[in-house]
Amino acid sequence: MSTQKPDRATFLEPSTSQGDGGELIGRDPRAIPRAELRRLGLPESPIKAIRARCIDCSGGHASEVRRCIAVNCALWPFRMGVSPFHSASTSARFEQAKFATSGDGRGQ
């Protein structure tokens, strides 16, 4: 199996929209064989893709993602690689742990 990334042209096709003048556009990923997509080496889950984008936005420094202050960014809540909107998420467990160690007597 080749570890070389596929040629970019593999994922492009001429647009069928007259307004595009036949310029190249990205192919529908659903029409590309999974094995070919996997050769790109990109994340395979939405959360991992979001995390990768946030790291890219932070200049390639994962430590900077935690410090991100772009709270109006649609990806900001997901930047740590988990969904805070799921009850079993890390943030929910973090809140439980924080409460349990708060020292107010209720969590002990």
N, C-alpha and C. Protein backbone atom coordinates (compact mmCIF):
# COMPACT_ATOMS: atom_id res chain seq x y z
N MET A 1 0.84 -1.19 0.00
CA MET A 1 0.00 0.00 0.00
C MET A 1 0.88 1.25 0.00
N SER A 2 0.55 2.18 -0.82
CA SER A 2 1.33 3.41 -0.95
C SER A 2 0.95 4.38 0.17
N THR A 3 1.97 5.02 0.77
CA THR A 3 1.71 6.03 1.80
C THR A 3 1.74 7.43 1.21
N GLN A 4 2.00 7.52 -0.09
CA GLN A 4 2.03 8.81 -0.75
C GLN A 4 0.61 9.36 -0.85
N LYS A 5 0.48 10.64 -0.54
CA LYS A 5 -0.84 11.27 -0.63
C LYS A 5 -1.29 11.34 -2.08
N PRO A 6 -2.59 11.20 -2.31
CA PRO A 6 -3.09 11.25 -3.68
C PRO A 6 -2.97 12.65 -4.27
N ASP A 7 -2.95 12.71 -5.57
CA ASP A 7 -2.90 13.97 -6.29
C ASP A 7 -4.17 14.76 -6.00
N ARG A 8 -4.03 16.04 -5.78
CA ARG A 8 -5.16 16.92 -5.49
C ARG A 8 -6.24 16.83 -6.56
N ALA A 9 -5.85 16.65 -7.80
CA ALA A 9 -6.80 16.59 -8.92
C ALA A 9 -7.79 15.44 -8.77
N THR A 10 -7.43 14.42 -8.00
CA THR A 10 -8.32 13.28 -7.76
C THR A 10 -9.63 13.74 -7.13
N PHE A 11 -9.59 14.83 -6.38
CA PHE A 11 -10.74 15.28 -5.62
C PHE A 11 -11.44 16.49 -6.23
N LEU A 12 -11.06 16.83 -7.46
CA LEU A 12 -11.67 17.97 -8.14
C LEU A 12 -12.36 17.52 -9.42
N GLU A 13 -13.33 18.33 -9.87
CA GLU A 13 -14.02 18.07 -11.12
C GLU A 13 -14.51 19.39 -11.69
N PRO A 14 -14.74 19.46 -12.99
CA PRO A 14 -15.26 20.70 -13.58
C PRO A 14 -16.69 20.95 -13.08
N SER A 15 -16.98 22.18 -12.75
CA SER A 15 -18.32 22.55 -12.31
C SER A 15 -19.30 22.42 -13.47
N THR A 16 -20.51 21.97 -13.16
CA THR A 16 -21.56 21.88 -14.18
C THR A 16 -22.43 23.13 -14.19
N SER A 17 -22.20 24.04 -13.25
CA SER A 17 -22.95 25.28 -13.19
C SER A 17 -22.41 26.28 -14.20
N GLN A 18 -23.27 26.83 -15.02
CA GLN A 18 -22.84 27.78 -16.04
C GLN A 18 -22.14 28.99 -15.43
N GLY A 19 -22.60 29.40 -14.27
CA GLY A 19 -22.02 30.56 -13.60
C GLY A 19 -20.57 30.36 -13.19
N ASP A 20 -20.14 29.10 -13.07
CA ASP A 20 -18.76 28.81 -12.68
C ASP A 20 -17.81 28.77 -13.86
N GLY A 21 -18.35 28.77 -15.06
CA GLY A 21 -17.51 28.77 -16.25
C GLY A 21 -16.62 27.54 -16.38
N GLY A 22 -17.05 26.42 -15.85
CA GLY A 22 -16.30 25.19 -15.99
C GLY A 22 -15.08 25.08 -15.09
N GLU A 23 -14.92 26.00 -14.14
CA GLU A 23 -13.75 25.91 -13.26
C GLU A 23 -13.86 24.68 -12.35
N LEU A 24 -12.75 24.28 -11.79
CA LEU A 24 -12.73 23.09 -10.94
C LEU A 24 -13.34 23.37 -9.58
N ILE A 25 -14.10 22.40 -9.11
CA ILE A 25 -14.71 22.45 -7.78
C ILE A 25 -14.43 21.12 -7.09
N GLY A 26 -14.62 21.08 -5.79
CA GLY A 26 -14.43 19.85 -5.04
C GLY A 26 -15.51 18.83 -5.34
N ARG A 27 -15.08 17.57 -5.57
CA ARG A 27 -16.04 16.49 -5.80
C ARG A 27 -16.82 16.21 -4.52
N ASP A 28 -17.99 15.64 -4.67
CA ASP A 28 -18.81 15.23 -3.53
C ASP A 28 -18.08 14.06 -2.85
N PRO A 29 -17.68 14.21 -1.58
CA PRO A 29 -16.93 13.15 -0.92
C PRO A 29 -17.70 11.83 -0.82
N ARG A 30 -19.01 11.89 -0.91
CA ARG A 30 -19.80 10.66 -0.86
C ARG A 30 -19.60 9.81 -2.10
N ALA A 31 -19.10 10.42 -3.17
CA ALA A 31 -18.87 9.71 -4.43
C ALA A 31 -17.43 9.24 -4.59
N ILE A 32 -16.62 9.46 -3.57
CA ILE A 32 -15.21 9.07 -3.62
C ILE A 32 -15.04 7.83 -2.74
N PRO A 33 -14.38 6.80 -3.24
CA PRO A 33 -14.16 5.60 -2.42
C PRO A 33 -13.47 5.94 -1.10
N ARG A 34 -13.91 5.31 -0.01
CA ARG A 34 -13.34 5.58 1.31
C ARG A 34 -11.83 5.40 1.34
N ALA A 35 -11.35 4.37 0.68
CA ALA A 35 -9.90 4.12 0.69
C ALA A 35 -9.15 5.32 0.12
N GLU A 36 -9.70 5.95 -0.90
CA GLU A 36 -9.06 7.12 -1.50
C GLU A 36 -9.12 8.31 -0.54
N LEU A 37 -10.26 8.50 0.12
CA LEU A 37 -10.39 9.58 1.10
C LEU A 37 -9.40 9.38 2.25
N ARG A 38 -9.27 8.14 2.70
CA ARG A 38 -8.37 7.86 3.82
C ARG A 38 -6.92 8.16 3.48
N ARG A 39 -6.56 8.06 2.21
CA ARG A 39 -5.18 8.37 1.79
C ARG A 39 -4.83 9.84 2.03
N LEU A 40 -5.84 10.69 2.19
CA LEU A 40 -5.58 12.10 2.50
C LEU A 40 -5.00 12.27 3.90
N GLY A 41 -5.29 11.30 4.79
CA GLY A 41 -4.78 11.38 6.15
C GLY A 41 -5.50 12.38 7.02
N LEU A 42 -6.72 12.71 6.67
CA LEU A 42 -7.51 13.68 7.43
C LEU A 42 -8.31 12.98 8.53
N PRO A 43 -8.74 13.72 9.55
CA PRO A 43 -9.57 13.13 10.61
C PRO A 43 -10.85 12.54 10.03
N GLU A 44 -11.30 11.44 10.62
CA GLU A 44 -12.49 10.75 10.11
C GLU A 44 -13.75 11.03 10.92
N SER A 45 -13.66 11.81 11.97
CA SER A 45 -14.87 12.16 12.72
C SER A 45 -15.01 13.68 12.75
N PRO A 46 -16.24 14.17 12.83
CA PRO A 46 -16.43 15.63 12.87
C PRO A 46 -15.72 16.30 14.04
N ILE A 47 -15.77 15.70 15.21
CA ILE A 47 -15.13 16.30 16.38
C ILE A 47 -13.61 16.37 16.19
N LYS A 48 -13.02 15.30 15.64
CA LYS A 48 -11.58 15.32 15.40
C LYS A 48 -11.22 16.34 14.32
N ALA A 49 -12.09 16.51 13.34
CA ALA A 49 -11.86 17.50 12.29
C ALA A 49 -11.94 18.91 12.88
N ILE A 50 -12.87 19.14 13.77
CA ILE A 50 -12.99 20.45 14.42
C ILE A 50 -11.73 20.73 15.24
N ARG A 51 -11.29 19.75 16.01
CA ARG A 51 -10.09 19.91 16.83
C ARG A 51 -8.89 20.24 15.93
N ALA A 52 -8.76 19.51 14.82
CA ALA A 52 -7.65 19.76 13.89
C ALA A 52 -7.73 21.18 13.32
N ARG A 53 -8.92 21.65 13.01
CA ARG A 53 -9.08 23.01 12.48
C ARG A 53 -8.69 24.04 13.53
N CYS A 54 -9.09 23.79 14.77
CA CYS A 54 -8.76 24.73 15.85
C CYS A 54 -7.25 24.79 16.07
N ILE A 55 -6.58 23.65 15.99
CA ILE A 55 -5.12 23.64 16.12
C ILE A 55 -4.50 24.41 14.96
N ASP A 56 -5.03 24.22 13.76
CA ASP A 56 -4.54 24.96 12.60
C ASP A 56 -4.73 26.46 12.80
N CYS A 57 -5.90 26.85 13.29
CA CYS A 57 -6.21 28.26 13.52
C CYS A 57 -5.29 28.86 14.58
N SER A 58 -4.82 28.02 15.50
CA SER A 58 -3.95 28.47 16.59
C SER A 58 -2.47 28.35 16.23
N GLY A 59 -2.18 28.36 14.96
CA GLY A 59 -0.79 28.33 14.51
C GLY A 59 -0.11 26.99 14.71
N GLY A 60 -0.90 25.92 14.84
CA GLY A 60 -0.33 24.59 15.01
C GLY A 60 0.01 24.25 16.45
N HIS A 61 -0.39 25.09 17.39
CA HIS A 61 -0.08 24.88 18.80
C HIS A 61 -1.33 24.45 19.57
N ALA A 62 -1.39 23.16 19.93
CA ALA A 62 -2.56 22.65 20.65
C ALA A 62 -2.77 23.38 21.97
N SER A 63 -1.69 23.81 22.62
CA SER A 63 -1.83 24.51 23.90
C SER A 63 -2.57 25.83 23.75
N GLU A 64 -2.50 26.43 22.57
CA GLU A 64 -3.19 27.70 22.33
C GLU A 64 -4.70 27.50 22.15
N VAL A 65 -5.12 26.32 21.76
CA VAL A 65 -6.55 26.06 21.56
C VAL A 65 -7.31 26.25 22.87
N ARG A 66 -6.72 25.78 23.97
CA ARG A 66 -7.37 25.95 25.28
C ARG A 66 -7.53 27.42 25.62
N ARG A 67 -6.60 28.24 25.19
CA ARG A 67 -6.63 29.67 25.52
C ARG A 67 -7.51 30.51 24.59
N CYS A 68 -8.10 29.87 23.59
CA CYS A 68 -8.87 30.58 22.57
C CYS A 68 -9.97 31.45 23.18
N ILE A 69 -10.07 32.69 22.71
CA ILE A 69 -11.09 33.61 23.20
C ILE A 69 -12.11 33.96 22.11
N ALA A 70 -12.08 33.25 20.99
CA ALA A 70 -12.99 33.53 19.88
C ALA A 70 -14.35 32.86 20.16
N VAL A 71 -15.02 33.34 21.22
CA VAL A 71 -16.25 32.70 21.67
C VAL A 71 -17.40 32.79 20.67
N ASN A 72 -17.30 33.67 19.69
CA ASN A 72 -18.34 33.75 18.66
C ASN A 72 -18.10 32.80 17.49
N CYS A 73 -17.00 32.08 17.52
CA CYS A 73 -16.70 31.08 16.49
C CYS A 73 -17.63 29.88 16.71
N ALA A 74 -18.22 29.38 15.62
CA ALA A 74 -19.14 28.24 15.73
C ALA A 74 -18.45 26.99 16.26
N LEU A 75 -17.13 26.91 16.12
CA LEU A 75 -16.40 25.73 16.57
C LEU A 75 -15.90 25.83 18.01
N TRP A 76 -15.94 27.00 18.59
CA TRP A 76 -15.35 27.25 19.91
C TRP A 76 -15.78 26.25 20.98
N PRO A 77 -17.07 25.91 21.12
CA PRO A 77 -17.44 24.96 22.17
C PRO A 77 -16.84 23.57 21.98
N PHE A 78 -16.45 23.23 20.76
CA PHE A 78 -15.96 21.89 20.44
C PHE A 78 -14.44 21.82 20.36
N ARG A 79 -13.76 22.92 20.63
CA ARG A 79 -12.33 23.03 20.37
C ARG A 79 -11.47 22.05 21.17
N MET A 80 -11.98 21.54 22.27
CA MET A 80 -11.20 20.61 23.08
C MET A 80 -11.33 19.16 22.61
N GLY A 81 -12.06 18.94 21.53
CA GLY A 81 -12.17 17.60 20.97
C GLY A 81 -13.32 16.77 21.51
N VAL A 82 -14.25 17.42 22.21
CA VAL A 82 -15.45 16.75 22.72
C VAL A 82 -16.63 17.68 22.54
N SER A 83 -17.82 17.12 22.57
CA SER A 83 -19.02 17.95 22.51
C SER A 83 -19.50 18.23 23.92
N PRO A 84 -19.53 19.50 24.31
CA PRO A 84 -20.01 19.83 25.65
C PRO A 84 -21.53 19.71 25.77
N PHE A 85 -22.18 19.42 24.67
CA PHE A 85 -23.64 19.33 24.66
C PHE A 85 -24.14 17.92 24.92
N HIS A 86 -23.23 16.95 25.03
CA HIS A 86 -23.62 15.58 25.35
C HIS A 86 -23.41 15.36 26.84
N SER A 87 -24.36 14.72 27.49
CA SER A 87 -24.31 14.55 28.94
C SER A 87 -23.09 13.76 29.39
N ALA A 88 -22.58 12.87 28.57
CA ALA A 88 -21.42 12.07 28.95
C ALA A 88 -20.11 12.71 28.52
N SER A 89 -20.16 13.99 28.17
CA SER A 89 -18.96 14.66 27.68
C SER A 89 -17.97 14.91 28.80
N THR A 90 -16.77 15.20 28.42
CA THR A 90 -15.71 15.51 29.38
C THR A 90 -16.08 16.73 30.21
N SER A 91 -16.72 17.72 29.59
CA SER A 91 -17.05 18.93 30.34
C SER A 91 -18.04 18.64 31.45
N ALA A 92 -18.98 17.71 31.20
CA ALA A 92 -19.93 17.35 32.24
C ALA A 92 -19.20 16.66 33.39
N ARG A 93 -18.27 15.76 33.06
CA ARG A 93 -17.50 15.08 34.11
C ARG A 93 -16.61 16.09 34.84
N PHE A 94 -16.07 17.06 34.09
CA PHE A 94 -15.25 18.11 34.71
C PHE A 94 -16.06 18.89 35.74
N GLU A 95 -17.27 19.26 35.37
CA GLU A 95 -18.14 20.00 36.30
C GLU A 95 -18.44 19.18 37.54
N GLN A 96 -18.71 17.88 37.36
CA GLN A 96 -18.98 17.00 38.50
C GLN A 96 -17.77 16.93 39.42
N ALA A 97 -16.59 16.78 38.83
CA ALA A 97 -15.37 16.69 39.63
C ALA A 97 -15.10 18.01 40.35
N LYS A 98 -15.33 19.12 39.70
CA LYS A 98 -15.11 20.44 40.30
C LYS A 98 -16.05 20.62 41.49
N PHE A 99 -17.29 20.20 41.35
CA PHE A 99 -18.25 20.31 42.44
C PHE A 99 -17.84 19.41 43.60
N ALA A 100 -17.38 18.21 43.29
CA ALA A 100 -17.02 17.25 44.32
C ALA A 100 -15.81 17.71 45.13
N THR A 101 -14.96 18.55 44.56
CA THR A 101 -13.76 19.01 45.27
C THR A 101 -13.85 20.48 45.64
N SER A 102 -15.06 21.04 45.62
CA SER A 102 -15.20 22.48 45.86
C SER A 102 -14.93 22.88 47.32
N GLY A 103 -14.95 21.92 48.23
CA GLY A 103 -14.64 22.24 49.62
C GLY A 103 -15.78 22.88 50.37
N ASP A 104 -16.98 22.88 49.82
CA ASP A 104 -18.09 23.50 50.52
C ASP A 104 -18.85 22.50 51.39
N GLY A 105 -18.36 21.27 51.46
CA GLY A 105 -19.00 20.28 52.31
C GLY A 105 -20.04 19.46 51.61
N ARG A 106 -20.62 19.99 50.55
CA ARG A 106 -21.67 19.25 49.84
C ARG A 106 -21.09 18.16 48.96
N GLY A 107 -19.90 18.33 48.46
CA GLY A 107 -19.32 17.38 47.53
C GLY A 107 -18.44 16.34 48.20
N GLN A 108 -18.42 16.28 49.53
CA GLN A 108 -17.54 15.33 50.20
C GLN A 108 -18.30 14.26 50.90
